[in-house]
């Protein structure tokens, strides 16, 4: 790993791993120092990879020893002491850090008292009742562990779309550079599925042999010859550990094969007058376009993102692809954090970046006071932020910062500030960040109470899920969405890749109920404002039209929507 690969977050991850291992081996005081150092490095606005040791030691909480380890991480990807601890630690124990509800102390107990050193041995011990029998554990903890392990097993071998797409882009470039031909993503990548289990590409070439020879030259690809064939190379991308399929397609067959390789079986199985979409595509191998294939069957054209075999045909009875929201339609960005709470950049920096990206306004939504873990704002600090926002707005032309808040929905459904204070914001996003283990009924009632509050304008990351890490809390989704319609509360499509929440599958239902929607980046840095690009893809996948998307409004119109209940 070279210096270019090591951003602040990657360096912080290595320090945090060392801290966790120190905790695991009982060196708790030293672990606290490295936990703090990891936190500080990740929050640094300036890339630390290029700093000398003498400059690193000027950072708060970074002594010479840690600074030297940071330089070693930058140069090698790790450091000596971390490698030594890794050698002393069973590899499977590291997987236990992903289990919801298991902190380091519990993991150490399970290891020392029951010899548990992997997900498999943890699951076996739970099934045998050994975990519940440990003092301080019990049946409830054991059940929660089993559910978390089952979830982790389901997510193994998968990664986020944005990560898989980055690997695929690199692979595309390598093939294009060698063969000088067009390479397209198909399968899950083309459908913009938030979680991906394989990288699939389609290469336009008359020579399958040339493609196979090209792929053998790519170091990070490992072929699985037993599953490969002349027209489909299969293997593993060792960088992501994802399966790879590369299909050879002749140029004249590009339209029909792109449709076939992009759509799910359920989508291709749609039939009219006794013929399926797949049969139609196969009967038109040299079709001039994908639109021509849909037209031959007599059905509306469906964009690649929507070819799931779910609600796209019902959607197409009411809408056309031209009505889908597009990048040039987005006028404003809402849901951004700054250094006032847990963001990396200042108000001015966030405003300037949003303006540079072509937006007309940015809605600031730092965390409310109960979010102590995220440096949540007291009322006094909110008022200080408002003053700064007004100063920035006074000197900016053709751009506006809006005074918003991401207010915590507390366990009983009440909000983190009193109503008279909430009434003073330009807009309010209400989100759940704590007490995530409620029953379906209680979690639903909690949200319903928040939705009824006249000052709530937008419901944030509705299910609370973290993809590949945490399932969303159980909800009666239809009831919650209908309540949003009744009380004129918009729902965000949170574009942070690990959230992607509201899930795209609920977008059409929300539209049908008359709910307005909003694409938000949940940005904690200038860089993360670009999550809007991923959010746009999710929105289009779910069928979001310009008409229901609040981002398409001017700042005046957006604020008018938010003032509707005042």
Protein backbone atom coordinates (compact mmCIF):
# COMPACT_ATOMS: atom_id res chain seq x y z
CA UNK A 1 0.00 0.00 0.00
CA UNK A 2 1.48 3.35 -0.97
CA UNK A 3 1.04 6.82 0.38
CA UNK A 4 -1.63 7.74 -2.17
CA UNK A 5 -3.87 4.99 -0.81
CA UNK A 6 -3.71 6.24 2.76
CA UNK A 7 -6.20 8.98 3.47
CA UNK A 8 -6.95 10.11 7.03
CA UNK A 9 -9.75 7.59 7.43
CA UNK A 10 -7.54 4.68 6.35
CA UNK A 11 -4.80 5.74 8.78
CA UNK A 12 -7.35 6.13 11.57
CA UNK A 13 -8.68 2.62 10.89
CA UNK A 14 -5.25 1.12 11.50
CA UNK A 15 -4.81 3.04 14.75
CA UNK A 16 -8.32 2.05 15.84
CA UNK A 17 -7.62 -1.61 15.06
CA UNK A 18 -4.50 -1.42 17.22
CA UNK A 19 -6.55 0.15 20.04
CA UNK A 20 -9.14 -2.62 19.79
CA UNK A 21 -6.47 -5.30 19.92
CA UNK A 22 -4.83 -3.64 22.93
CA UNK A 23 -8.23 -3.70 24.65
CA UNK A 24 -8.65 -7.33 23.69
CA UNK A 25 -5.30 -8.22 25.25
CA UNK A 26 -6.03 -6.24 28.42
CA UNK A 27 -3.81 -3.19 27.80
CA UNK A 28 -6.67 -0.79 28.40
CA UNK A 29 -4.86 2.42 29.37
CA UNK A 30 -2.71 2.39 26.24
CA UNK A 31 -5.77 1.47 24.18
CA UNK A 32 -7.53 4.67 25.26
CA UNK A 33 -4.63 6.74 23.93
CA UNK A 34 -4.88 5.09 20.50
CA UNK A 35 -8.69 5.30 20.40
CA UNK A 36 -8.32 9.05 20.94
CA UNK A 37 -5.55 9.34 18.35
CA UNK A 38 -7.63 7.50 15.74
CA UNK A 39 -10.56 9.84 16.37
CA UNK A 40 -8.37 12.95 16.04
CA UNK A 41 -6.68 11.78 12.84
CA UNK A 42 -9.99 10.97 11.15
CA UNK A 43 -11.33 14.43 12.04
CA UNK A 44 -8.31 16.29 10.65
CA UNK A 45 -9.20 18.50 7.70
CA UNK A 46 -5.65 18.39 6.27
CA UNK A 47 -4.38 15.05 4.87
CA UNK A 48 -1.85 13.79 7.40
CA UNK A 49 -0.15 11.34 5.05
CA UNK A 50 2.14 14.05 3.70
CA UNK A 51 3.12 15.49 7.10
CA UNK A 52 6.53 14.96 8.64
CA UNK A 53 6.82 13.47 12.13
CA UNK A 54 7.66 16.91 13.52
CA UNK A 55 4.45 18.31 12.05
CA UNK A 56 2.35 15.37 13.22
CA UNK A 57 3.44 15.92 16.81
CA UNK A 58 1.95 19.42 16.64
CA UNK A 59 -1.51 17.89 16.26
CA UNK A 60 -3.52 17.59 19.50
CA UNK A 61 -2.95 14.26 21.26
CA UNK A 62 -0.31 13.01 18.80
CA UNK A 63 3.04 12.30 20.44
CA UNK A 64 6.25 11.24 18.75
CA UNK A 65 5.57 7.51 19.14
CA UNK A 66 2.15 7.73 17.47
CA UNK A 67 3.50 10.10 14.82
CA UNK A 68 6.18 7.58 13.89
CA UNK A 69 3.55 4.84 13.65
CA UNK A 70 1.49 7.06 11.34
CA UNK A 71 4.47 7.48 9.04
CA UNK A 72 4.98 3.71 9.06
CA UNK A 73 1.31 3.21 8.16
CA UNK A 74 1.68 5.65 5.26
CA UNK A 75 4.74 3.81 3.97
CA UNK A 76 3.68 0.19 4.54
CA UNK A 77 -0.03 0.13 5.32
CA UNK A 78 0.58 -1.05 8.88
CA UNK A 79 3.18 -0.84 11.66
CA UNK A 80 5.34 -3.26 13.62
CA UNK A 81 3.43 -3.30 16.91
CA UNK A 82 0.10 -3.81 15.14
CA UNK A 83 1.51 -6.71 13.14
CA UNK A 84 2.85 -8.30 16.31
CA UNK A 85 -0.56 -8.09 17.98
CA UNK A 86 -2.25 -9.50 14.88
CA UNK A 87 0.09 -12.50 15.02
CA UNK A 88 -0.96 -13.11 18.65
CA UNK A 89 -4.66 -12.84 17.84
CA UNK A 90 -6.74 -15.56 16.14
CA UNK A 91 -7.90 -14.15 12.79
CA UNK A 92 -11.50 -15.11 13.48
CA UNK A 93 -11.62 -12.93 16.59
CA UNK A 94 -11.47 -9.83 14.39
CA UNK A 95 -14.78 -10.86 12.83
CA UNK A 96 -16.39 -10.72 16.27
CA UNK A 97 -15.89 -6.93 16.33
CA UNK A 98 -18.64 -6.75 13.70
CA UNK A 99 -21.22 -8.51 15.89
CA UNK A 100 -23.82 -6.07 17.14
CA UNK A 101 -23.86 -5.84 20.93
CA UNK A 102 -20.39 -7.33 21.43
CA UNK A 103 -17.89 -4.90 22.85
CA UNK A 104 -14.23 -5.70 23.39
CA UNK A 105 -14.73 -6.78 27.00
CA UNK A 106 -17.42 -9.30 26.07
CA UNK A 107 -15.31 -10.61 23.20
CA UNK A 108 -12.38 -11.08 25.58
CA UNK A 109 -14.61 -13.00 28.01
CA UNK A 110 -15.95 -15.23 25.26
CA UNK A 111 -12.40 -15.92 24.09
CA UNK A 112 -10.90 -16.54 27.52
CA UNK A 113 -13.80 -18.40 29.15
CA UNK A 114 -15.34 -20.32 26.23
CA UNK A 115 -12.49 -20.45 23.73
CA UNK A 116 -14.58 -18.64 21.10
CA UNK A 117 -12.34 -17.32 18.34
CA UNK A 118 -14.57 -17.10 15.24
CA UNK A 119 -18.13 -16.45 14.11
CA UNK A 120 -18.61 -20.19 13.67
CA UNK A 121 -17.52 -21.05 17.21
CA UNK A 122 -19.62 -18.14 18.56
CA UNK A 123 -22.73 -19.42 16.76
CA UNK A 124 -22.10 -22.98 18.00
CA UNK A 125 -21.72 -21.78 21.60
CA UNK A 126 -24.98 -19.83 21.32
CA UNK A 127 -26.84 -22.85 19.96
CA UNK A 128 -25.53 -24.90 22.87
CA UNK A 129 -26.63 -22.23 25.37
CA UNK A 130 -23.10 -21.59 26.62
CA UNK A 131 -23.19 -17.83 26.00
CA UNK A 132 -26.45 -17.39 27.91
CA UNK A 133 -24.94 -19.32 30.83
CA UNK A 134 -22.13 -16.79 31.30
CA UNK A 135 -22.78 -14.38 34.18
CA UNK A 136 -23.98 -11.04 32.82
CA UNK A 137 -24.96 -12.44 29.42
CA UNK A 138 -28.32 -14.24 29.53
CA UNK A 139 -30.83 -15.45 26.96
CA UNK A 140 -31.64 -12.01 25.59
CA UNK A 141 -27.99 -11.22 24.83
CA UNK A 142 -27.48 -14.66 23.34
CA UNK A 143 -30.46 -14.24 21.03
CA UNK A 144 -29.29 -10.82 19.89
CA UNK A 145 -25.84 -12.25 19.14
CA UNK A 146 -27.34 -15.09 17.10
CA UNK A 147 -29.40 -12.64 15.05
CA UNK A 148 -26.37 -10.45 14.41
CA UNK A 149 -24.23 -13.45 13.37
CA UNK A 150 -26.96 -14.58 10.96
CA UNK A 151 -27.03 -11.08 9.45
CA UNK A 152 -23.24 -11.02 9.06
CA UNK A 153 -23.28 -14.41 7.34
CA UNK A 154 -25.84 -13.08 4.86
CA UNK A 155 -23.62 -10.12 4.00
CA UNK A 156 -20.36 -12.01 3.55
CA UNK A 157 -18.96 -11.73 0.05
CA UNK A 158 -20.80 -8.47 -0.65
CA UNK A 159 -19.85 -4.81 -0.73
CA UNK A 160 -21.45 -1.42 -1.30
CA UNK A 161 -22.20 -0.37 -4.88
CA UNK A 162 -19.82 2.58 -4.65
CA UNK A 163 -16.95 0.29 -3.67
CA UNK A 164 -17.71 -2.31 -6.33
CA UNK A 165 -18.16 0.43 -8.94
CA UNK A 166 -14.72 1.82 -8.12
CA UNK A 167 -13.16 -1.62 -8.66
CA UNK A 168 -15.16 -2.07 -11.86
CA UNK A 169 -14.07 1.32 -13.19
CA UNK A 170 -10.44 0.39 -12.71
CA UNK A 171 -11.00 -2.91 -14.47
CA UNK A 172 -12.83 -1.21 -17.33
CA UNK A 173 -9.91 1.15 -17.85
CA UNK A 174 -7.39 -1.69 -17.89
CA UNK A 175 -9.37 -3.61 -20.52
CA UNK A 176 -10.01 -0.50 -22.61
CA UNK A 177 -6.33 0.45 -22.54
CA UNK A 178 -5.32 -2.97 -23.82
CA UNK A 179 -8.08 -3.74 -26.32
CA UNK A 180 -9.14 -0.21 -27.33
CA UNK A 181 -12.80 -1.16 -27.17
CA UNK A 182 -15.95 -0.31 -25.25
CA UNK A 183 -16.55 -1.88 -21.83
CA UNK A 184 -19.87 -1.51 -20.01
CA UNK A 185 -21.11 -2.50 -16.57
CA UNK A 186 -24.04 -4.92 -16.52
CA UNK A 187 -25.87 -6.88 -13.82
CA UNK A 188 -26.15 -5.42 -10.32
CA UNK A 189 -23.77 -2.57 -11.10
CA UNK A 190 -25.89 -1.39 -14.03
CA UNK A 191 -29.05 -1.70 -11.94
CA UNK A 192 -27.43 0.43 -9.22
CA UNK A 193 -28.18 -2.04 -6.45
CA UNK A 194 -26.93 -0.56 -3.15
CA UNK A 195 -25.25 -3.85 -2.20
CA UNK A 196 -23.37 -5.83 -4.84
CA UNK A 197 -22.24 -9.47 -4.80
CA UNK A 198 -20.46 -9.57 -8.19
CA UNK A 199 -18.78 -7.37 -10.79
CA UNK A 200 -20.20 -7.98 -14.26
CA UNK A 201 -18.85 -6.38 -17.43
CA UNK A 202 -19.73 -6.58 -21.11
CA UNK A 203 -16.86 -6.13 -23.58
CA UNK A 204 -17.48 -5.37 -27.25
CA UNK A 205 -15.05 -7.48 -29.25
CA UNK A 206 -14.94 -9.93 -32.14
CA UNK A 207 -12.17 -11.91 -30.42
CA UNK A 208 -12.96 -13.76 -27.17
CA UNK A 209 -9.39 -15.11 -27.21
CA UNK A 210 -7.95 -11.60 -27.15
CA UNK A 211 -10.16 -10.71 -24.19
CA UNK A 212 -9.10 -13.81 -22.25
CA UNK A 213 -5.44 -13.00 -22.94
CA UNK A 214 -6.03 -9.44 -21.74
CA UNK A 215 -7.67 -10.57 -18.50
CA UNK A 216 -4.82 -12.96 -17.72
CA UNK A 217 -2.43 -10.00 -17.71
CA UNK A 218 -4.35 -8.17 -14.97
CA UNK A 219 -2.59 -8.95 -11.69
CA UNK A 220 -5.55 -8.55 -9.33
CA UNK A 221 -7.77 -10.98 -11.27
CA UNK A 222 -7.65 -14.71 -10.57
CA UNK A 223 -9.47 -16.92 -13.06
CA UNK A 224 -11.66 -19.86 -12.12
CA UNK A 225 -11.15 -21.97 -15.28
CA UNK A 226 -13.76 -24.58 -14.36
CA UNK A 227 -16.55 -21.99 -14.56
CA UNK A 228 -15.19 -19.91 -17.46
CA UNK A 229 -16.17 -20.38 -21.08
CA UNK A 230 -15.33 -18.95 -24.47
CA UNK A 231 -17.82 -16.09 -24.22
CA UNK A 232 -17.75 -15.53 -20.43
CA UNK A 233 -14.59 -15.25 -18.36
CA UNK A 234 -15.14 -15.86 -14.64
CA UNK A 235 -12.85 -15.25 -11.73
CA UNK A 236 -12.20 -13.25 -8.56
CA UNK A 237 -11.09 -9.67 -8.07
CA UNK A 238 -8.54 -10.16 -5.29
CA UNK A 239 -8.78 -6.52 -4.25
CA UNK A 240 -12.44 -6.78 -3.28
CA UNK A 241 -12.84 -10.59 -3.18
CA UNK A 242 -15.89 -10.18 -5.41
CA UNK A 243 -16.65 -12.66 -8.20
CA UNK A 244 -16.08 -11.21 -11.68
CA UNK A 245 -17.88 -12.08 -14.90
CA UNK A 246 -16.69 -10.59 -18.18
CA UNK A 247 -18.94 -11.25 -21.16
CA UNK A 248 -17.75 -11.14 -24.77
CA UNK A 249 -20.30 -9.46 -27.04
CA UNK A 250 -19.98 -8.62 -30.72
CA UNK A 251 -20.75 -4.97 -31.56
CA UNK A 252 -23.86 -5.76 -33.60
CA UNK A 253 -25.39 -7.59 -30.60
CA UNK A 254 -24.71 -4.87 -28.06
CA UNK A 255 -28.33 -3.69 -27.55
CA UNK A 256 -29.95 -7.11 -27.11
CA UNK A 257 -27.14 -8.47 -24.94
CA UNK A 258 -26.94 -5.35 -22.78
CA UNK A 259 -30.63 -5.70 -22.04
CA UNK A 260 -30.32 -9.41 -21.27
CA UNK A 261 -27.22 -9.03 -19.11
CA UNK A 262 -28.57 -6.02 -17.22
CA UNK A 263 -32.09 -7.13 -16.31
CA UNK A 264 -33.12 -9.66 -13.67
CA UNK A 265 -34.85 -12.88 -14.67
CA UNK A 266 -38.09 -11.49 -13.28
CA UNK A 267 -37.89 -8.43 -15.54
CA UNK A 268 -37.00 -10.50 -18.60
CA UNK A 269 -39.89 -12.83 -17.80
CA UNK A 270 -42.50 -10.10 -18.23
CA UNK A 271 -44.82 -11.24 -21.01
CA UNK A 272 -47.44 -9.83 -23.34
CA UNK A 273 -49.52 -11.78 -25.84
CA UNK A 274 -47.68 -14.99 -25.01
CA UNK A 275 -44.14 -13.68 -25.51
CA UNK A 276 -41.62 -12.64 -22.86
CA UNK A 277 -39.20 -9.74 -23.00
CA UNK A 278 -36.34 -12.26 -23.08
CA UNK A 279 -37.82 -14.08 -26.06
CA UNK A 280 -38.28 -10.76 -27.83
CA UNK A 281 -34.66 -9.80 -27.19
CA UNK A 282 -33.40 -13.18 -28.43
CA UNK A 283 -35.51 -12.81 -31.56
CA UNK A 284 -33.81 -9.47 -32.27
CA UNK A 285 -30.09 -10.26 -31.81
CA UNK A 286 -29.05 -7.29 -33.94
CA UNK A 287 -31.64 -4.88 -32.56
CA UNK A 288 -30.73 -1.23 -33.27
CA UNK A 289 -31.48 -0.24 -29.67
CA UNK A 290 -32.93 -1.51 -26.43
CA UNK A 291 -35.89 0.80 -26.95
CA UNK A 292 -36.66 -1.12 -30.15
CA UNK A 293 -36.89 -4.40 -28.23
CA UNK A 294 -39.37 -3.02 -25.72
CA UNK A 295 -41.35 -1.48 -28.59
CA UNK A 296 -41.49 -4.82 -30.44
CA UNK A 297 -43.06 -6.43 -27.36
CA UNK A 298 -45.43 -3.47 -27.08
CA UNK A 299 -44.37 -2.28 -23.62
CA UNK A 300 -42.80 0.98 -22.35
CA UNK A 301 -39.02 1.33 -22.27
CA UNK A 302 -37.54 0.73 -18.81
CA UNK A 303 -34.19 2.28 -17.87
CA UNK A 304 -31.45 -0.16 -16.70
CA UNK A 305 -31.66 0.94 -13.06
CA UNK A 306 -35.30 -0.15 -12.82
CA UNK A 307 -35.06 -3.58 -14.46
CA UNK A 308 -35.72 -5.52 -11.27
CA UNK A 309 -39.02 -7.27 -12.05
CA UNK A 310 -40.82 -5.47 -9.25
CA UNK A 311 -42.94 -2.34 -9.60
CA UNK A 312 -41.40 -0.90 -12.78
CA UNK A 313 -44.27 -1.99 -15.05
CA UNK A 314 -46.87 -0.43 -12.76
CA UNK A 315 -44.73 2.73 -12.59
CA UNK A 316 -44.52 2.83 -16.41
CA UNK A 317 -48.33 3.00 -16.68
CA UNK A 318 -48.19 6.49 -15.11
CA UNK A 319 -44.76 7.89 -15.89
CA UNK A 320 -42.09 8.02 -18.59
CA UNK A 321 -38.28 8.04 -18.25
CA UNK A 322 -38.31 11.73 -19.25
CA UNK A 323 -40.12 12.53 -15.99
CA UNK A 324 -37.38 11.01 -13.83
CA UNK A 325 -35.27 13.44 -11.83
CA UNK A 326 -31.94 14.31 -13.46
CA UNK A 327 -28.76 16.01 -12.26
CA UNK A 328 -29.57 19.34 -13.91
CA UNK A 329 -32.90 19.42 -12.07
CA UNK A 330 -31.29 19.52 -8.63
CA UNK A 331 -31.14 23.09 -7.37
CA UNK A 332 -30.42 22.60 -3.68
CA UNK A 333 -28.78 20.27 -1.17
CA UNK A 334 -30.15 19.64 2.30
CA UNK A 335 -28.66 17.63 5.22
CA UNK A 336 -25.06 18.66 5.80
CA UNK A 337 -22.96 18.69 8.96
CA UNK A 338 -20.17 21.11 9.84
CA UNK A 339 -17.49 21.55 12.48
CA UNK A 340 -20.24 22.82 14.77
CA UNK A 341 -21.12 19.16 15.40
CA UNK A 342 -19.36 16.16 13.84
CA UNK A 343 -18.50 17.49 10.37
CA UNK A 344 -14.97 18.01 9.07
CA UNK A 345 -15.46 21.35 7.31
CA UNK A 346 -16.63 24.80 8.32
CA UNK A 347 -19.83 26.53 7.26
CA UNK A 348 -17.92 28.66 4.78
CA UNK A 349 -16.11 25.69 3.27
CA UNK A 350 -19.31 23.69 2.89
CA UNK A 351 -21.09 26.66 1.32
CA UNK A 352 -18.29 27.30 -1.15
CA UNK A 353 -18.14 23.64 -2.18
CA UNK A 354 -21.90 23.38 -2.68
CA UNK A 355 -21.79 26.53 -4.75
CA UNK A 356 -18.86 25.19 -6.79
CA UNK A 357 -20.89 22.05 -7.52
CA UNK A 358 -23.59 24.23 -9.04
CA UNK A 359 -26.21 24.25 -6.30
CA UNK A 360 -28.19 27.34 -5.33
CA UNK A 361 -28.56 26.59 -1.63
CA UNK A 362 -27.32 24.31 1.12
CA UNK A 363 -29.36 23.32 4.16
CA UNK A 364 -27.17 23.01 7.25
CA UNK A 365 -28.34 20.32 9.68
CA UNK A 366 -25.92 19.79 12.52
CA UNK A 367 -26.90 17.43 15.32
CA UNK A 368 -29.14 18.41 18.22
CA UNK A 369 -28.15 18.53 21.88
CA UNK A 370 -28.81 14.90 22.89
CA UNK A 371 -26.34 13.67 20.25
CA UNK A 372 -23.43 14.13 22.64
CA UNK A 373 -21.43 11.52 20.71
CA UNK A 374 -21.61 13.86 17.68
CA UNK A 375 -20.96 17.12 19.55
CA UNK A 376 -24.65 18.03 19.39
CA UNK A 377 -25.58 21.70 19.61
CA UNK A 378 -27.04 23.42 22.64
CA UNK A 379 -29.55 26.19 21.95
CA UNK A 380 -26.82 28.73 22.63
CA UNK A 381 -24.50 27.15 20.05
CA UNK A 382 -27.34 27.00 17.53
CA UNK A 383 -27.87 30.74 17.88
CA UNK A 384 -24.16 31.30 17.35
CA UNK A 385 -24.36 29.22 14.16
CA UNK A 386 -27.33 31.25 12.95
CA UNK A 387 -25.29 34.43 13.34
CA UNK A 388 -22.46 32.98 11.27
CA UNK A 389 -24.89 31.76 8.60
CA UNK A 390 -26.33 35.27 8.31
CA UNK A 391 -22.83 36.71 7.94
CA UNK A 392 -21.97 34.23 5.19
CA UNK A 393 -25.23 34.85 3.36
CA UNK A 394 -24.62 38.60 3.44
CA UNK A 395 -21.45 38.23 1.39
CA UNK A 396 -22.48 35.41 -0.98
CA UNK A 397 -24.26 36.15 -4.24
CA UNK A 398 -26.66 33.72 -5.93
CA UNK A 399 -26.28 31.25 -3.08
CA UNK A 400 -27.91 30.77 0.32
CA UNK A 401 -27.26 28.79 3.46
CA UNK A 402 -30.44 27.61 5.18
CA UNK A 403 -30.75 27.26 8.96
CA UNK A 404 -31.75 23.68 9.58
CA UNK A 405 -31.20 21.02 12.22
CA UNK A 406 -31.13 17.25 12.38
CA UNK A 407 -33.08 16.88 15.59
CA UNK A 408 -33.02 13.57 17.43
CA UNK A 409 -36.27 11.69 17.83
CA UNK A 410 -36.10 10.58 21.44
CA UNK A 411 -37.22 7.15 22.67
CA UNK A 412 -40.77 8.32 23.41
CA UNK A 413 -41.16 10.05 20.04
CA UNK A 414 -40.65 13.55 21.40
CA UNK A 415 -37.99 15.81 19.89
CA UNK A 416 -34.71 17.03 21.27
CA UNK A 417 -35.67 20.73 21.47
CA UNK A 418 -38.88 22.39 22.65
CA UNK A 419 -41.42 23.38 20.03
CA UNK A 420 -40.90 27.12 20.41
CA UNK A 421 -37.22 26.70 19.57
CA UNK A 422 -37.84 24.31 16.66
CA UNK A 423 -40.20 26.91 15.19
CA UNK A 424 -37.26 29.25 14.65
CA UNK A 425 -35.39 27.00 12.19
CA UNK A 426 -35.87 27.35 8.44
CA UNK A 427 -36.54 23.61 8.34
CA UNK A 428 -36.25 20.54 10.57
CA UNK A 429 -35.10 17.01 9.77
CA UNK A 430 -36.10 14.51 12.47
CA UNK A 431 -34.05 11.32 12.79
CA UNK A 432 -33.60 8.37 15.11
CA UNK A 433 -30.04 7.78 16.32
CA UNK A 434 -30.50 5.86 19.58
CA UNK A 435 -32.63 3.15 21.24
CA UNK A 436 -32.66 1.09 18.04
CA UNK A 437 -33.82 -2.21 19.54
CA UNK A 438 -37.52 -1.43 20.00
CA UNK A 439 -40.30 -3.75 18.93
CA UNK A 440 -42.02 -3.07 15.60
CA UNK A 441 -45.04 -1.56 17.32
CA UNK A 442 -43.03 0.75 19.61
CA UNK A 443 -40.63 1.84 16.87
CA UNK A 444 -43.57 2.65 14.60
CA UNK A 445 -45.42 4.62 17.30
CA UNK A 446 -42.23 6.52 18.08
CA UNK A 447 -41.99 7.74 14.47
CA UNK A 448 -45.70 8.46 14.21
CA UNK A 449 -45.51 10.77 17.21
CA UNK A 450 -42.55 12.63 15.69
CA UNK A 451 -44.31 12.95 12.33
CA UNK A 452 -47.29 14.56 14.06
CA UNK A 453 -45.10 17.34 15.45
CA UNK A 454 -45.99 20.47 13.43
CA UNK A 455 -42.34 21.54 13.19
CA UNK A 456 -41.03 18.37 11.52
CA UNK A 457 -40.55 18.93 7.79
CA UNK A 458 -38.47 15.91 6.78
CA UNK A 459 -38.05 12.41 8.18
CA UNK A 460 -34.38 11.40 8.13
CA UNK A 461 -32.90 7.95 7.26
CA UNK A 462 -36.20 6.27 7.93
CA UNK A 463 -35.15 2.74 8.90
CA UNK A 464 -31.82 3.52 10.57
CA UNK A 465 -30.08 0.75 8.64
CA UNK A 466 -26.35 0.59 8.00
CA UNK A 467 -25.82 -1.63 4.98
CA UNK A 468 -23.64 -4.69 5.62
CA UNK A 469 -23.40 -3.72 9.28
CA UNK A 470 -26.84 -3.23 10.82
CA UNK A 471 -30.38 -4.05 9.82
CA UNK A 472 -32.92 -1.28 10.03
CA UNK A 473 -35.25 -1.23 13.02
CA UNK A 474 -38.58 -2.98 12.43
CA UNK A 475 -41.32 -0.65 11.23
CA UNK A 476 -44.78 -0.70 9.73
CA UNK A 477 -43.47 1.13 6.67
CA UNK A 478 -46.83 1.62 5.02
CA UNK A 479 -48.30 3.19 8.14
CA UNK A 480 -45.32 5.53 8.56
CA UNK A 481 -45.39 6.62 4.92
CA UNK A 482 -49.14 7.23 5.03
CA UNK A 483 -48.65 9.34 8.17
CA UNK A 484 -46.03 11.42 6.34
CA UNK A 485 -48.58 12.01 3.57
CA UNK A 486 -51.24 13.04 6.07
CA UNK A 487 -48.99 15.49 7.92
CA UNK A 488 -47.13 16.74 4.83
CA UNK A 489 -43.76 15.48 6.04
CA UNK A 490 -41.20 14.74 3.33
CA UNK A 491 -38.98 11.64 3.45
CA UNK A 492 -35.31 11.81 2.63
CA UNK A 493 -33.50 9.37 0.40
CA UNK A 494 -30.29 9.44 2.40
CA UNK A 495 -27.48 9.07 -0.11
CA UNK A 496 -24.73 8.16 2.31
CA UNK A 497 -23.77 4.88 0.58
CA UNK A 498 -23.88 2.84 3.78
CA UNK A 499 -27.43 4.06 4.49
CA UNK A 500 -29.20 4.43 1.11
CA UNK A 501 -32.31 4.94 3.22
CA UNK A 502 -35.25 5.34 2.26
CA UNK A 503 -34.74 2.08 0.37
CA UNK A 504 -35.44 2.51 -3.34
CA UNK A 505 -38.21 -0.10 -3.22
CA UNK A 506 -40.39 2.27 -1.13
CA UNK A 507 -40.00 5.32 -3.35
CA UNK A 508 -42.86 4.44 -5.69
CA UNK A 509 -45.19 3.63 -2.78
CA UNK A 510 -44.37 6.98 -1.17
CA UNK A 511 -45.09 8.75 -4.46
CA UNK A 512 -48.41 6.94 -4.76
CA UNK A 513 -49.37 8.16 -1.28
CA UNK A 514 -48.56 11.76 -2.21
CA UNK A 515 -45.36 12.11 -0.15
CA UNK A 516 -42.68 14.55 -1.26
CA UNK A 517 -39.15 13.15 -1.35
CA UNK A 518 -35.70 14.65 -0.95
CA UNK A 519 -32.26 13.41 -2.01
CA UNK A 520 -29.77 14.20 0.76
CA UNK A 521 -26.02 13.51 1.08
CA UNK A 522 -25.92 13.45 4.90
CA UNK A 523 -22.56 15.08 4.23
CA UNK A 524 -19.99 15.33 7.01
CA UNK A 525 -17.38 16.92 4.73
CA UNK A 526 -17.11 18.87 1.49
CA UNK A 527 -16.17 15.67 -0.30
CA UNK A 528 -19.34 13.92 0.87
CA UNK A 529 -21.56 16.50 -0.81
CA UNK A 530 -20.88 14.42 -3.91
CA UNK A 531 -22.93 11.59 -2.39
CA UNK A 532 -25.74 13.42 -4.17
CA UNK A 533 -24.63 11.61 -7.34
CA UNK A 534 -25.30 8.23 -5.73
CA UNK A 535 -28.57 9.51 -4.28
CA UNK A 536 -29.69 10.56 -7.74
CA UNK A 537 -29.11 7.03 -9.02
CA UNK A 538 -31.11 5.57 -6.11
CA UNK A 539 -33.90 8.05 -6.77
CA UNK A 540 -34.10 7.14 -10.44
CA UNK A 541 -33.97 3.44 -9.60
CA UNK A 542 -37.02 3.89 -7.40
CA UNK A 543 -38.82 5.97 -10.02
CA UNK A 544 -38.59 9.41 -8.40
CA UNK A 545 -39.92 12.12 -10.68
CA UNK A 546 -39.02 15.79 -10.79
CA UNK A 547 -42.49 16.65 -9.53
CA UNK A 548 -42.06 14.95 -6.13
CA UNK A 549 -38.38 15.83 -5.58
CA UNK A 550 -37.92 18.81 -3.26
CA UNK A 551 -34.34 19.32 -4.47
CA UNK A 552 -35.83 20.59 -7.73
CA UNK A 553 -37.37 23.58 -5.94
CA UNK A 554 -35.82 27.01 -5.55
CA UNK A 555 -34.82 27.94 -2.02
CA UNK A 556 -37.95 30.12 -1.76
CA UNK A 557 -40.22 27.26 -2.85
CA UNK A 558 -38.42 24.79 -0.58
CA UNK A 559 -38.87 27.09 2.41
CA UNK A 560 -42.52 27.57 1.49
CA UNK A 561 -43.01 23.81 1.66
CA UNK A 562 -41.34 23.76 5.08
CA UNK A 563 -43.49 26.65 6.32
CA UNK A 564 -46.76 24.91 5.40
CA UNK A 565 -47.55 23.83 8.96
CA UNK A 566 -46.25 26.84 10.81
